[in-house]
C-alpha atoms as a PDB file:
ATOM      1  CA  MET A   1       0.000   0.000   0.000  1.00  0.00           C
ATOM      2  CA  ASN A   2       1.088   3.614  -0.433  1.00  0.00           C
ATOM      3  CA  GLN A   3       3.072   5.190   2.360  1.00  0.00           C
ATOM      4  CA  ILE A   4       1.094   7.842   4.261  1.00  0.00           C
ATOM      5  CA  GLN A   5       3.067  11.072   4.263  1.00  0.00           C
ATOM      6  CA  GLU A   6       4.056  12.869   7.450  1.00  0.00           C
ATOM      7  CA  ILE A   7       1.223  15.105   8.668  1.00  0.00           C
ATOM      8  CA  SER A   8       1.920  18.567  10.055  1.00  0.00           C
ATOM      9  CA  ILE A   9       1.318  19.286  13.742  1.00  0.00           C
ATOM     10  CA  GLN A  10      -2.357  19.928  14.465  1.00  0.00           C
ATOM     11  CA  ASN A  11      -3.778  21.975  17.338  1.00  0.00           C
ATOM     12  CA  GLY A  12      -0.241  22.723  18.423  1.00  0.00           C
ATOM     13  CA  GLN A  13       0.314  19.122  19.547  1.00  0.00           C
ATOM     14  CA  PHE A  14       3.014  16.697  18.483  1.00  0.00           C
ATOM     15  CA  VAL A  15       2.345  13.001  18.073  1.00  0.00           C
ATOM     16  CA  PRO A  16       5.567  11.192  19.030  1.00  0.00           C
ATOM     17  CA  ASN A  17       7.399   9.239  16.349  1.00  0.00           C
ATOM     18  CA  ASP A  18       7.292   5.471  16.378  1.00  0.00           C
ATOM     19  CA  VAL A  19       9.992   3.905  18.530  1.00  0.00           C
ATOM     20  CA  ALA A  20      12.275   1.258  17.047  1.00  0.00           C
ATOM     21  CA  PRO A  21      12.398  -2.119  18.827  1.00  0.00           C
ATOM     22  CA  GLN A  22      15.605  -2.831  20.736  1.00  0.00           C
ATOM     23  CA  THR A  23      15.581  -6.504  19.753  1.00  0.00           C
ATOM     24  CA  ALA A  24      15.795  -8.498  16.554  1.00  0.00           C
ATOM     25  CA  ASN A  25      12.315  -9.892  17.228  1.00  0.00           C
ATOM     26  CA  ALA A  26       9.937  -9.799  14.289  1.00  0.00           C
ATOM     27  CA  VAL A  27       7.695  -6.771  13.775  1.00  0.00           C
ATOM     28  CA  PRO A  28       6.057  -5.488  10.549  1.00  0.00           C
ATOM     29  CA  GLU A  29       8.329  -3.361   8.370  1.00  0.00           C
ATOM     30  CA  CYS A  30       5.770  -2.377   5.714  1.00  0.00           C
ATOM     31  CA  GLY A  31       3.094   0.296   5.444  1.00  0.00           C
ATOM     32  CA  PRO A  32       2.744   3.572   7.354  1.00  0.00           C
ATOM     33  CA  HIS A  33       4.005   4.133  10.861  1.00  0.00           C
ATOM     34  CA  PHE A  34       1.363   4.203  13.567  1.00  0.00           C
ATOM     35  CA  HIS A  35       2.122   7.777  14.658  1.00  0.00           C
ATOM     36  CA  GLU A  36       1.536   8.983  11.094  1.00  0.00           C
ATOM     37  CA  VAL A  37      -1.995   7.651  11.132  1.00  0.00           C
ATOM     38  CA  LEU A  38      -2.610   9.105  14.596  1.00  0.00           C
ATOM     39  CA  ASN A  39      -1.406  12.431  13.216  1.00  0.00           C
ATOM     40  CA  SER A  40      -3.774  12.229  10.266  1.00  0.00           C
ATOM     41  CA  HIS A  41      -6.672  11.919  12.724  1.00  0.00           C
ATOM     42  CA  ALA A  42      -5.295  14.628  15.054  1.00  0.00           C
ATOM     43  CA  LEU A  43      -5.026  12.038  17.831  1.00  0.00           C
ATOM     44  CA  GLU A  44      -2.607  11.771  20.747  1.00  0.00           C
ATOM     45  CA  LEU A  45      -1.845   8.626  22.695  1.00  0.00           C
ATOM     46  CA  LYS A  46      -0.874   9.355  26.282  1.00  0.00           C
ATOM     47  CA  HIS A  47      -1.087   7.635  29.643  1.00  0.00           C
ATOM     48  CA  ALA A  48      -3.954   8.330  32.000  1.00  0.00           C
ATOM     49  CA  ARG A  49      -3.231   7.772  35.682  1.00  0.00           C
ATOM     50  CA  PRO A  50      -2.828   3.973  35.842  1.00  0.00           C
ATOM     51  CA  ASN A  51      -4.897   1.893  38.237  1.00  0.00           C
ATOM     52  CA  GLU A  52      -3.711  -1.516  37.027  1.00  0.00           C
ATOM     53  CA  LEU A  53      -0.459  -3.435  36.738  1.00  0.00           C
ATOM     54  CA  GLN A  54      -0.107  -6.080  34.043  1.00  0.00           C
ATOM     55  CA  ILE A  55       2.629  -8.372  35.300  1.00  0.00           C
ATOM     56  CA  ASN A  56       4.452 -11.049  33.329  1.00  0.00           C
ATOM     57  CA  LEU A  57       5.592 -13.605  35.901  1.00  0.00           C
ATOM     58  CA  GLY A  58       7.841 -15.420  33.456  1.00  0.00           C
ATOM     59  CA  LYS A  59       8.004 -17.050  30.045  1.00  0.00           C
ATOM     60  CA  LEU A  60       7.832 -20.645  31.270  1.00  0.00           C
ATOM     61  CA  CYS A  61       4.731 -22.390  29.905  1.00  0.00           C
ATOM     62  CA  ASN A  62       3.520 -25.954  29.480  1.00  0.00           C
ATOM     63  CA  LEU A  63       2.377 -25.037  25.934  1.00  0.00           C
ATOM     64  CA  ALA A  64       4.102 -23.462  22.911  1.00  0.00           C
ATOM     65  CA  CYS A  65       1.234 -21.947  20.890  1.00  0.00           C
ATOM     66  CA  HIS A  66       2.149 -20.767  17.386  1.00  0.00           C
ATOM     67  CA  HIS A  67       0.413 -17.388  17.811  1.00  0.00           C
ATOM     68  CA  CYS A  68       2.136 -16.613  21.150  1.00  0.00           C
ATOM     69  CA  HIS A  69       3.702 -13.139  21.071  1.00  0.00           C
ATOM     70  CA  VAL A  70       5.662 -13.966  24.240  1.00  0.00           C
ATOM     71  CA  ASP A  71       7.444 -16.913  22.590  1.00  0.00           C
ATOM     72  CA  ALA A  72       6.656 -18.796  25.789  1.00  0.00           C
ATOM     73  CA  GLY A  73       7.289 -22.504  26.150  1.00  0.00           C
ATOM     74  CA  PRO A  74       8.441 -25.400  28.344  1.00  0.00           C
ATOM     75  CA  LYS A  75      12.140 -24.606  27.866  1.00  0.00           C
ATOM     76  CA  ARG A  76      12.036 -20.917  28.836  1.00  0.00           C
ATOM     77  CA  THR A  77      13.898 -20.101  32.035  1.00  0.00           C
ATOM     78  CA  GLU A  78      12.866 -16.472  32.654  1.00  0.00           C
ATOM     79  CA  ILE A  79      11.003 -16.415  35.992  1.00  0.00           C
ATOM     80  CA  MET A  80      10.166 -13.522  38.321  1.00  0.00           C
ATOM     81  CA  THR A  81      11.803 -13.884  41.733  1.00  0.00           C
ATOM     82  CA  TRP A  82      10.234 -13.256  45.128  1.00  0.00           C
ATOM     83  CA  PRO A  83      12.424 -10.183  45.849  1.00  0.00           C
ATOM     84  CA  VAL A  84      11.129  -8.570  42.644  1.00  0.00           C
ATOM     85  CA  MET A  85       7.572  -9.418  43.671  1.00  0.00           C
ATOM     86  CA  GLN A  86       8.132  -7.798  47.066  1.00  0.00           C
ATOM     87  CA  LYS A  87       9.253  -4.560  45.396  1.00  0.00           C
ATOM     88  CA  ILE A  88       6.152  -4.618  43.174  1.00  0.00           C
ATOM     89  CA  LEU A  89       3.901  -5.156  46.183  1.00  0.00           C
ATOM     90  CA  ALA A  90       5.433  -2.225  48.050  1.00  0.00           C
ATOM     91  CA  TRP A  91       5.075   0.054  45.014  1.00  0.00           C
ATOM     92  CA  ALA A  92       1.489  -1.045  44.341  1.00  0.00           C
ATOM     93  CA  GLU A  93       0.454  -0.389  47.941  1.00  0.00           C
ATOM     94  CA  HIS A  94       1.976   3.100  47.918  1.00  0.00           C
ATOM     95  CA  ALA A  95       0.471   3.924  44.491  1.00  0.00           C
ATOM     96  CA  GLY A  96      -3.024   2.712  45.345  1.00  0.00           C
ATOM     97  CA  ILE A  97      -3.148   0.186  42.514  1.00  0.00           C
ATOM     98  CA  GLU A  98      -6.578  -1.458  42.268  1.00  0.00           C
ATOM     99  CA  LYS A  99      -6.048  -4.322  39.803  1.00  0.00           C
ATOM    100  CA  ALA A 100      -3.371  -6.810  38.798  1.00  0.00           C
ATOM    101  CA  ASP A 101      -3.428  -8.780  35.540  1.00  0.00           C
ATOM    102  CA  LEU A 102      -1.083 -11.759  35.884  1.00  0.00           C
ATOM    103  CA  THR A 103       0.335 -13.253  32.713  1.00  0.00           C
ATOM    104  CA  GLY A 104       3.102 -15.523  31.448  1.00  0.00           C
ATOM    105  CA  GLY A 105       3.866 -17.997  30.006  1.00  0.00           C
ATOM    106  CA  ALA A 106       1.686 -19.833  32.417  1.00  0.00           C
ATOM    107  CA  PRO A 107       1.812 -17.564  35.493  1.00  0.00           C
ATOM    108  CA  GLU A 108       0.903 -20.481  37.755  1.00  0.00           C
ATOM    109  CA  LEU A 109       4.228 -22.174  36.986  1.00  0.00           C
ATOM    110  CA  ASN A 110       6.108 -19.441  38.812  1.00  0.00           C
ATOM    111  CA  PRO A 111       6.999 -21.057  42.171  1.00  0.00           C
ATOM    112  CA  HIS A 112       5.946 -17.893  44.056  1.00  0.00           C
ATOM    113  CA  PHE A 113       2.639 -17.426  42.187  1.00  0.00           C
ATOM    114  CA  ARG A 114       0.312 -18.341  45.031  1.00  0.00           C
ATOM    115  CA  GLU A 115       2.239 -16.394  47.656  1.00  0.00           C
ATOM    116  CA  PHE A 116       2.210 -13.354  45.356  1.00  0.00           C
ATOM    117  CA  CYS A 117      -1.541 -13.639  44.765  1.00  0.00           C
ATOM    118  CA  ASP A 118      -2.273 -13.881  48.472  1.00  0.00           C
ATOM    119  CA  ALA A 119      -0.152 -10.781  49.103  1.00  0.00           C
ATOM    120  CA  LEU A 120      -2.025  -8.851  46.382  1.00  0.00           C
ATOM    121  CA  ILE A 121      -5.367  -9.915  47.834  1.00  0.00           C
ATOM    122  CA  LYS A 122      -4.241  -8.749  51.267  1.00  0.00           C
ATOM    123  CA  LEU A 123      -3.683  -5.292  49.733  1.00  0.00           C
ATOM    124  CA  GLY A 124      -7.244  -5.319  48.369  1.00  0.00           C
ATOM    125  CA  ILE A 125      -6.046  -5.652  44.768  1.00  0.00           C
ATOM    126  CA  GLU A 126      -8.382  -7.450  42.350  1.00  0.00           C
ATOM    127  CA  ILE A 127      -6.587 -10.219  40.452  1.00  0.00           C
ATOM    128  CA  THR A 128      -7.085 -11.474  36.910  1.00  0.00           C
ATOM    129  CA  SER A 129      -5.118 -14.595  36.036  1.00  0.00           C
ATOM    130  CA  ARG A 130      -4.461 -15.507  32.390  1.00  0.00           C
ATOM    131  CA  CYS A 131      -4.926 -19.269  32.674  1.00  0.00           C
ATOM    132  CA  ASN A 132      -4.421 -21.611  29.724  1.00  0.00           C
ATOM    133  CA  ILE A 133      -6.700 -24.213  31.415  1.00  0.00           C
ATOM    134  CA  THR A 134      -4.382 -27.153  30.686  1.00  0.00           C
ATOM    135  CA  VAL A 135      -2.076 -26.011  33.492  1.00  0.00           C
ATOM    136  CA  LEU A 136      -4.692 -27.390  35.903  1.00  0.00           C
ATOM    137  CA  TYR A 137      -3.398 -30.848  34.964  1.00  0.00           C
ATOM    138  CA  GLU A 138       0.304 -30.143  35.425  1.00  0.00           C
ATOM    139  CA  PRO A 139       2.136 -32.009  38.230  1.00  0.00           C
ATOM    140  CA  GLY A 140       1.788 -30.134  41.501  1.00  0.00           C
ATOM    141  CA  GLN A 141      -1.234 -28.150  40.293  1.00  0.00           C
ATOM    142  CA  GLU A 142      -3.913 -30.696  41.178  1.00  0.00           C
ATOM    143  CA  ASP A 143      -5.500 -28.335  43.733  1.00  0.00           C
ATOM    144  CA  LEU A 144      -5.149 -25.200  41.595  1.00  0.00           C
ATOM    145  CA  ALA A 145      -8.777 -25.009  40.453  1.00  0.00           C
ATOM    146  CA  GLN A 146     -10.065 -25.165  44.036  1.00  0.00           C
ATOM    147  CA  TRP A 147      -7.373 -22.720  45.152  1.00  0.00           C
ATOM    148  CA  TYR A 148      -8.577 -20.235  42.543  1.00  0.00           C
ATOM    149  CA  ALA A 149     -12.205 -20.669  43.570  1.00  0.00           C
ATOM    150  CA  ASP A 150     -11.441 -20.219  47.263  1.00  0.00           C
ATOM    151  CA  ARG A 151      -9.911 -16.791  46.480  1.00  0.00           C
ATOM    152  CA  LYS A 152     -12.502 -15.791  43.856  1.00  0.00           C
ATOM    153  CA  ILE A 153      -9.765 -14.907  41.379  1.00  0.00           C
ATOM    154  CA  ARG A 154     -11.065 -13.897  37.963  1.00  0.00           C
ATOM    155  CA  LEU A 155      -9.926 -16.318  35.269  1.00  0.00           C
ATOM    156  CA  VAL A 156      -9.365 -15.401  31.640  1.00  0.00           C
ATOM    157  CA  CYS A 157      -8.852 -18.632  29.723  1.00  0.00           C
ATOM    158  CA  SER A 158      -7.683 -19.054  26.159  1.00  0.00           C
ATOM    159  CA  LEU A 159      -9.941 -21.185  23.966  1.00  0.00           C
ATOM    160  CA  PRO A 160      -9.263 -19.974  20.428  1.00  0.00           C
ATOM    161  CA  CYS A 161     -12.134 -21.978  18.956  1.00  0.00           C
ATOM    162  CA  TYR A 162     -14.912 -24.356  19.997  1.00  0.00           C
ATOM    163  CA  THR A 163     -13.730 -27.114  17.636  1.00  0.00           C
ATOM    164  CA  GLU A 164     -10.991 -29.634  18.333  1.00  0.00           C
ATOM    165  CA  ASP A 165      -9.137 -29.322  15.017  1.00  0.00           C
ATOM    166  CA  ASN A 166      -8.713 -25.550  15.235  1.00  0.00           C
ATOM    167  CA  VAL A 167      -7.622 -25.512  18.879  1.00  0.00           C
ATOM    168  CA  ASP A 168      -5.125 -28.337  18.491  1.00  0.00           C
ATOM    169  CA  ALA A 169      -3.715 -26.738  15.331  1.00  0.00           C
ATOM    170  CA  GLN A 170      -2.922 -23.547  17.263  1.00  0.00           C
ATOM    171  CA  ARG A 171      -1.973 -24.943  20.637  1.00  0.00           C
ATOM    172  CA  GLY A 172      -0.905 -28.553  20.256  1.00  0.00           C
ATOM    173  CA  LYS A 173      -2.424 -32.033  20.013  1.00  0.00           C
ATOM    174  CA  GLY A 174      -4.730 -32.919  22.878  1.00  0.00           C
ATOM    175  CA  VAL A 175      -5.088 -29.352  24.161  1.00  0.00           C
ATOM    176  CA  PHE A 176      -8.773 -29.130  23.203  1.00  0.00           C
ATOM    177  CA  ASP A 177      -9.786 -32.206  25.218  1.00  0.00           C
ATOM    178  CA  LYS A 178      -7.850 -30.990  28.264  1.00  0.00           C
ATOM    179  CA  SER A 179      -9.367 -27.522  27.908  1.00  0.00           C
ATOM    180  CA  ILE A 180     -12.905 -28.884  27.776  1.00  0.00           C
ATOM    181  CA  SER A 181     -12.285 -31.095  30.793  1.00  0.00           C
ATOM    182  CA  GLY A 182     -10.764 -28.160  32.676  1.00  0.00           C
ATOM    183  CA  LEU A 183     -13.690 -25.870  31.903  1.00  0.00           C
ATOM    184  CA  GLN A 184     -16.127 -28.525  33.119  1.00  0.00           C
ATOM    185  CA  TRP A 185     -14.086 -28.815  36.316  1.00  0.00           C
ATOM    186  CA  LEU A 186     -14.189 -25.043  36.823  1.00  0.00           C
ATOM    187  CA  ASN A 187     -17.958 -25.044  36.195  1.00  0.00           C
ATOM    188  CA  GLU A 188     -18.374 -27.676  38.931  1.00  0.00           C
ATOM    189  CA  LEU A 189     -16.635 -25.288  41.334  1.00  0.00           C
ATOM    190  CA  GLY A 190     -18.996 -22.469  40.373  1.00  0.00           C
ATOM    191  CA  TYR A 191     -16.894 -20.632  37.788  1.00  0.00           C
ATOM    192  CA  GLY A 192     -19.098 -19.143  35.079  1.00  0.00           C
ATOM    193  CA  LYS A 193     -22.174 -19.700  37.277  1.00  0.00           C
ATOM    194  CA  ASP A 194     -21.513 -17.784  40.496  1.00  0.00           C
ATOM    195  CA  SER A 195     -21.319 -14.007  39.924  1.00  0.00           C
ATOM    196  CA  GLU A 196     -18.224 -13.912  42.157  1.00  0.00           C
ATOM    197  CA  LEU A 197     -16.402 -16.542  40.087  1.00  0.00           C
ATOM    198  CA  SER A 198     -15.825 -14.923  36.723  1.00  0.00           C
ATOM    199  CA  LEU A 199     -14.725 -17.204  33.875  1.00  0.00           C
ATOM    200  CA  ASP A 200     -14.002 -15.399  30.611  1.00  0.00           C
ATOM    201  CA  LEU A 201     -12.896 -17.172  27.464  1.00  0.00           C
ATOM    202  CA  VAL A 202     -10.524 -15.734  24.859  1.00  0.00           C
ATOM    203  CA  TYR A 203     -10.911 -16.174  21.113  1.00  0.00           C
ATOM    204  CA  ASN A 204      -8.138 -15.290  18.717  1.00  0.00           C
ATOM    205  CA  PRO A 205      -8.149 -15.954  14.963  1.00  0.00           C
ATOM    206  CA  GLY A 206      -6.442 -19.023  13.588  1.00  0.00           C
ATOM    207  CA  GLY A 207      -4.830 -17.093  10.763  1.00  0.00           C
ATOM    208  CA  ALA A 208      -4.202 -13.727   9.137  1.00  0.00           C
ATOM    209  CA  PHE A 209      -7.676 -12.257   9.571  1.00  0.00           C
ATOM    210  CA  LEU A 210      -9.617 -10.126  12.049  1.00  0.00           C
ATOM    211  CA  PRO A 211     -11.968 -11.611  14.646  1.00  0.00           C
ATOM    212  CA  PRO A 212     -15.671 -11.697  13.744  1.00  0.00           C
ATOM    213  CA  PRO A 213     -18.073  -9.523  15.793  1.00  0.00           C
ATOM    214  CA  GLN A 214     -17.572 -10.398  19.455  1.00  0.00           C
ATOM    215  CA  GLU A 215     -21.276 -10.458  20.387  1.00  0.00           C
ATOM    216  CA  SER A 216     -22.329 -12.951  17.725  1.00  0.00           C
ATOM    217  CA  LEU A 217     -19.204 -15.046  18.285  1.00  0.00           C
ATOM    218  CA  GLU A 218     -19.957 -15.225  22.005  1.00  0.00           C
ATOM    219  CA  GLN A 219     -23.404 -16.624  21.243  1.00  0.00           C
ATOM    220  CA  ASP A 220     -21.839 -19.245  18.952  1.00  0.00           C
ATOM    221  CA  TYR A 221     -19.497 -20.260  21.774  1.00  0.00           C
ATOM    222  CA  ARG A 222     -22.387 -20.481  24.243  1.00  0.00           C
ATOM    223  CA  ASP A 223     -24.429 -22.617  21.856  1.00  0.00           C
ATOM    224  CA  MET A 224     -21.628 -24.998  20.859  1.00  0.00           C
ATOM    225  CA  LEU A 225     -19.993 -25.411  24.286  1.00  0.00           C
ATOM    226  CA  GLY A 226     -23.334 -25.636  26.068  1.00  0.00           C
ATOM    227  CA  GLU A 227     -24.959 -28.120  23.714  1.00  0.00           C
ATOM    228  CA  ASN A 228     -21.916 -30.352  23.246  1.00  0.00           C
ATOM    229  CA  PHE A 229     -20.213 -30.216  26.635  1.00  0.00           C
ATOM    230  CA  GLY A 230     -22.566 -28.537  29.120  1.00  0.00           C
ATOM    231  CA  ILE A 231     -20.085 -25.683  29.601  1.00  0.00           C
ATOM    232  CA  VAL A 232     -21.083 -22.159  30.667  1.00  0.00           C
ATOM    233  CA  PHE A 233     -18.887 -19.072  30.978  1.00  0.00           C
ATOM    234  CA  SER A 234     -19.142 -15.406  31.904  1.00  0.00           C
ATOM    235  CA  SER A 235     -18.162 -13.667  28.665  1.00  0.00           C
ATOM    236  CA  LEU A 236     -16.073 -14.045  25.528  1.00  0.00           C
ATOM    237  CA  LEU A 237     -13.160 -11.752  24.685  1.00  0.00           C
ATOM    238  CA  ALA A 238     -12.228 -11.533  21.002  1.00  0.00           C
ATOM    239  CA  ILE A 239      -8.570 -10.575  20.598  1.00  0.00           C
ATOM    240  CA  THR A 240      -6.724  -9.775  17.372  1.00  0.00           C
ATOM    241  CA  ASN A 241      -3.410 -11.529  16.796  1.00  0.00           C
ATOM    242  CA  ILE A 242      -0.680  -8.896  17.030  1.00  0.00           C
ATOM    243  CA  PRO A 243       2.091  -9.307  14.416  1.00  0.00           C
ATOM    244  CA  VAL A 244       5.125  -9.642  16.670  1.00  0.00           C
ATOM    245  CA  ASN A 245       7.490 -12.496  17.504  1.00  0.00           C
ATOM    246  CA  ARG A 246       6.208 -16.025  16.836  1.00  0.00           C
ATOM    247  CA  PHE A 247       3.086 -14.955  14.921  1.00  0.00           C
ATOM    248  CA  ALA A 248       5.035 -12.431  12.840  1.00  0.00           C
ATOM    249  CA  HIS A 249       7.621 -15.086  12.002  1.00  0.00           C
ATOM    250  CA  ALA A 250       4.819 -17.399  10.835  1.00  0.00           C
ATOM    251  CA  LEU A 251       3.330 -14.630   8.675  1.00  0.00           C
ATOM    252  CA  LYS A 252       6.706 -13.918   7.092  1.00  0.00           C
ATOM    253  CA  ARG A 253       7.336 -17.611   6.489  1.00  0.00           C
ATOM    254  CA  ASP A 254       3.988 -17.934   4.705  1.00  0.00           C
ATOM    255  CA  GLY A 255       4.382 -14.699   2.731  1.00  0.00           C
ATOM    256  CA  GLU A 256       1.439 -13.080   4.550  1.00  0.00           C
ATOM    257  CA  ILE A 257       3.055 -10.331   6.624  1.00  0.00           C
ATOM    258  CA  GLU A 258       2.460  -7.500   4.125  1.00  0.00           C
ATOM    259  CA  GLY A 259      -1.116  -8.567   3.424  1.00  0.00           C
ATOM    260  CA  TYR A 260      -1.920  -8.869   7.124  1.00  0.00           C
ATOM    261  CA  GLN A 261      -0.389  -5.496   7.926  1.00  0.00           C
ATOM    262  CA  HIS A 262      -2.380  -3.944   5.071  1.00  0.00           C
ATOM    263  CA  LEU A 263      -5.532  -5.484   6.575  1.00  0.00           C
ATOM    264  CA  LEU A 264      -4.784  -3.948   9.974  1.00  0.00           C
ATOM    265  CA  VAL A 265      -3.949  -0.495   8.577  1.00  0.00           C
ATOM    266  CA  SER A 266      -6.923  -0.366   6.232  1.00  0.00           C
ATOM    267  CA  ASN A 267      -9.253  -1.201   9.136  1.00  0.00           C
ATOM    268  CA  PHE A 268      -7.842   1.451  11.515  1.00  0.00           C
ATOM    269  CA  ASN A 269     -10.649   2.670  13.795  1.00  0.00           C
ATOM    270  CA  ALA A 270     -10.001   6.047  15.428  1.00  0.00           C
ATOM    271  CA  SER A 271     -12.736   5.445  18.028  1.00  0.00           C
ATOM    272  CA  THR A 272     -10.657   2.692  19.651  1.00  0.00           C
ATOM    273  CA  VAL A 273      -7.761   4.965  20.664  1.00  0.00           C
ATOM    274  CA  ASP A 274      -9.228   6.408  23.865  1.00  0.00           C
ATOM    275  CA  ASN A 275      -9.921   2.906  25.207  1.00  0.00           C
ATOM    276  CA  LEU A 276      -6.597   1.270  24.384  1.00  0.00           C
ATOM    277  CA  MET A 277      -5.344  -0.774  27.342  1.00  0.00           C
ATOM    278  CA  CYS A 278      -1.947   0.943  27.258  1.00  0.00           C
ATOM    279  CA  ARG A 279      -3.603   4.176  28.426  1.00  0.00           C
ATOM    280  CA  HIS A 280      -4.774   2.744  31.744  1.00  0.00           C
ATOM    281  CA  LEU A 281      -2.114   0.293  32.909  1.00  0.00           C
ATOM    282  CA  ILE A 282       1.614  -0.241  33.303  1.00  0.00           C
ATOM    283  CA  ASN A 283       3.147  -3.441  31.985  1.00  0.00           C
ATOM    284  CA  LEU A 284       5.987  -5.209  33.822  1.00  0.00           C
ATOM    285  CA  ASP A 285       8.326  -7.926  32.666  1.00  0.00           C
ATOM    286  CA  TRP A 286       9.664 -10.746  34.845  1.00  0.00           C
ATOM    287  CA  GLU A 287      12.494  -8.502  36.074  1.00  0.00           C
ATOM    288  CA  GLY A 288      10.211  -5.593  37.015  1.00  0.00           C
ATOM    289  CA  ARG A 289      11.064  -3.369  34.038  1.00  0.00           C
ATOM    290  CA  VAL A 290       8.256  -1.079  32.859  1.00  0.00           C
ATOM    291  CA  PHE A 291       6.596  -0.936  29.441  1.00  0.00           C
ATOM    292  CA  ASP A 292       3.526   0.631  27.860  1.00  0.00           C
ATOM    293  CA  CYS A 293       2.020  -2.756  26.998  1.00  0.00           C
ATOM    294  CA  ASP A 294       2.767  -6.467  26.783  1.00  0.00           C
ATOM    295  CA  PHE A 295       3.629  -6.245  23.078  1.00  0.00           C
ATOM    296  CA  ASN A 296       6.128  -3.428  23.610  1.00  0.00           C
ATOM    297  CA  GLN A 297       7.663  -5.546  26.348  1.00  0.00           C
ATOM    298  CA  MET A 298       8.318  -8.352  23.888  1.00  0.00           C
ATOM    299  CA  LEU A 299       9.959  -5.862  21.521  1.00  0.00           C
ATOM    300  CA  GLU A 300      11.909  -4.286  24.416  1.00  0.00           C
ATOM    301  CA  ILE A 301      10.518  -0.825  23.747  1.00  0.00           C
ATOM    302  CA  PRO A 302      10.702   0.828  27.205  1.00  0.00           C
ATOM    303  CA  LEU A 303       7.917   2.835  28.828  1.00  0.00           C
ATOM    304  CA  SER A 304       7.226   5.965  26.746  1.00  0.00           C
ATOM    305  CA  GLY A 305      10.183   5.068  24.532  1.00  0.00           C
ATOM    306  CA  GLY A 306      12.650   6.316  27.152  1.00  0.00           C
ATOM    307  CA  GLU A 307      15.489   4.680  29.021  1.00  0.00           C
ATOM    308  CA  GLU A 308      15.148   1.234  30.589  1.00  0.00           C
ATOM    309  CA  ARG A 309      13.614   1.612  34.051  1.00  0.00           C
ATOM    310  CA  TYR A 310      12.215  -0.551  36.804  1.00  0.00           C
ATOM    311  CA  LEU A 311       8.845   0.005  38.450  1.00  0.00           C
ATOM    312  CA  TRP A 312      10.451   1.104  41.720  1.00  0.00           C
ATOM    313  CA  ASP A 313      12.461   3.765  39.850  1.00  0.00           C
ATOM    314  CA  ILE A 314       9.337   5.773  38.981  1.00  0.00           C
ATOM    315  CA  GLY A 315       6.428   7.304  40.860  1.00  0.00           C
ATOM    316  CA  ILE A 316       2.764   6.922  40.010  1.00  0.00           C
ATOM    317  CA  ASP A 317       2.567  10.683  39.435  1.00  0.00           C
ATOM    318  CA  ASP A 318       5.351  10.508  36.846  1.00  0.00           C
ATOM    319  CA  ILE A 319       3.252   8.480  34.401  1.00  0.00           C
ATOM    320  CA  GLU A 320       0.050  10.421  33.709  1.00  0.00           C
ATOM    321  CA  GLY A 321       0.332  12.516  30.554  1.00  0.00           C
ATOM    322  CA  GLN A 322       3.424  10.746  29.245  1.00  0.00           C
ATOM    323  CA  ALA A 323       3.450   9.670  25.604  1.00  0.00           C
ATOM    324  CA  ILE A 324       2.982   5.990  24.771  1.00  0.00           C
ATOM    325  CA  ALA A 325       5.630   4.406  22.552  1.00  0.00           C
ATOM    326  CA  THR A 326       4.283   2.981  19.290  1.00  0.00           C
ATOM    327  CA  ASN A 327       5.356   1.015  16.251  1.00  0.00           C
ATOM    328  CA  ARG A 328       3.564  -0.659  13.347  1.00  0.00           C
ATOM    329  CA  HIS A 329       2.316  -3.562  15.473  1.00  0.00           C
ATOM    330  CA  CYS A 330      -0.007  -1.093  17.250  1.00  0.00           C
ATOM    331  CA  PHE A 331      -2.397  -1.257  14.283  1.00  0.00           C
ATOM    332  CA  GLY A 332      -3.413  -4.663  15.643  1.00  0.00           C
ATOM    333  CA  CYS A 333      -5.106  -3.043  18.647  1.00  0.00           C
ATOM    334  CA  THR A 334      -6.939  -0.394  16.577  1.00  0.00           C
ATOM    335  CA  ALA A 335      -8.212  -2.465  13.648  1.00  0.00           C
ATOM    336  CA  GLY A 336     -11.941  -3.058  13.290  1.00  0.00           C
ATOM    337  CA  ALA A 337     -13.639  -3.130  16.684  1.00  0.00           C
ATOM    338  CA  GLY A 338     -10.235  -2.875  18.350  1.00  0.00           C
ATOM    339  CA  SER A 339      -8.453  -5.357  20.569  1.00  0.00           C
ATOM    340  CA  SER A 340      -7.187  -5.424  24.120  1.00  0.00           C
ATOM    341  CA  CYS A 341      -6.723  -7.933  26.898  1.00  0.00           C
ATOM    342  CA  GLY A 342     -10.344  -7.120  27.743  1.00  0.00           C
ATOM    343  CA  GLY A 343     -11.692  -7.835  24.276  1.00  0.00           C
ATOM    344  CA  VAL A 344     -13.081  -5.381  21.736  1.00  0.00           C
ATOM    345  CA  LEU A 345     -12.887  -1.617  22.281  1.00  0.00           C
ATOM    346  CA  ALA A 346     -15.580  -0.133  20.011  1.00  0.00           C
ATOM    347  CA  ASP A 347     -18.904  -1.050  18.459  1.00  0.00           C
END
């Protein structure tokens, strides 16, 4: 597609240039830069005062899904330590953080996961855990489902389709059957039924295309999972695959990276920008370094495109109003109805 030309400053406001990744990890290199399109719509992308921490507890995972932007897997050794967790807890208490979104890898495989969760709960912080469901069957995790239910931790569980072939193609042979069994187990404990036991499912496309409308897709999931397996859940979150790391490598291998990036750019939706997740949270890696979002973390683009910093090196009041670092992968969050860890962003 044609390159969008640089737009002059509008309303006296600059839109920061895109920030180059500090790694060799894959990211789109075609089409316009994200800040150019923001400029053309006279939009700025800045942090509001954050009330949530999104924390990557490590890249160790029992799965190695082909769309995983973290490049997580069973052989990864990056794991957050307890001293780092203690520093995060102290900062969160002082800053008045209200929510924590725990990710991995499989966050549960961090040996300090449960102790960390209990400490967050003690501070009154609401926890979301990104659970791949199959981790419930890992050695040493036999009581995990009940442990979650006892603490009323919100679960967001990846189930990229309601058919076996599609799930196993993305996530590995046998993952669908384990996921169904795990969801039934969680239902038995009240997840998806009790209003205090939230069970959200995550859909992401199986290829280089945008998710269908979230509302109609959710009804399809309810019909298929309910009729075939007796499974209920709280809500469905439709998330666009972001073209970084493992997914970007697959697109390049298949000759689809330019076409996919064109799809994202041509479906840019300006109404998604105000609700982007990067505006309302701070993202942390397993060492406690700060980023604007999970995708920037994987590309090692520091918070606001500045110098590498740790959470305990900044104050909560230093963040509001700061620019958010962008690159071409950001079109994935603004295409169509938009995409975030909480699902779609616009009608």
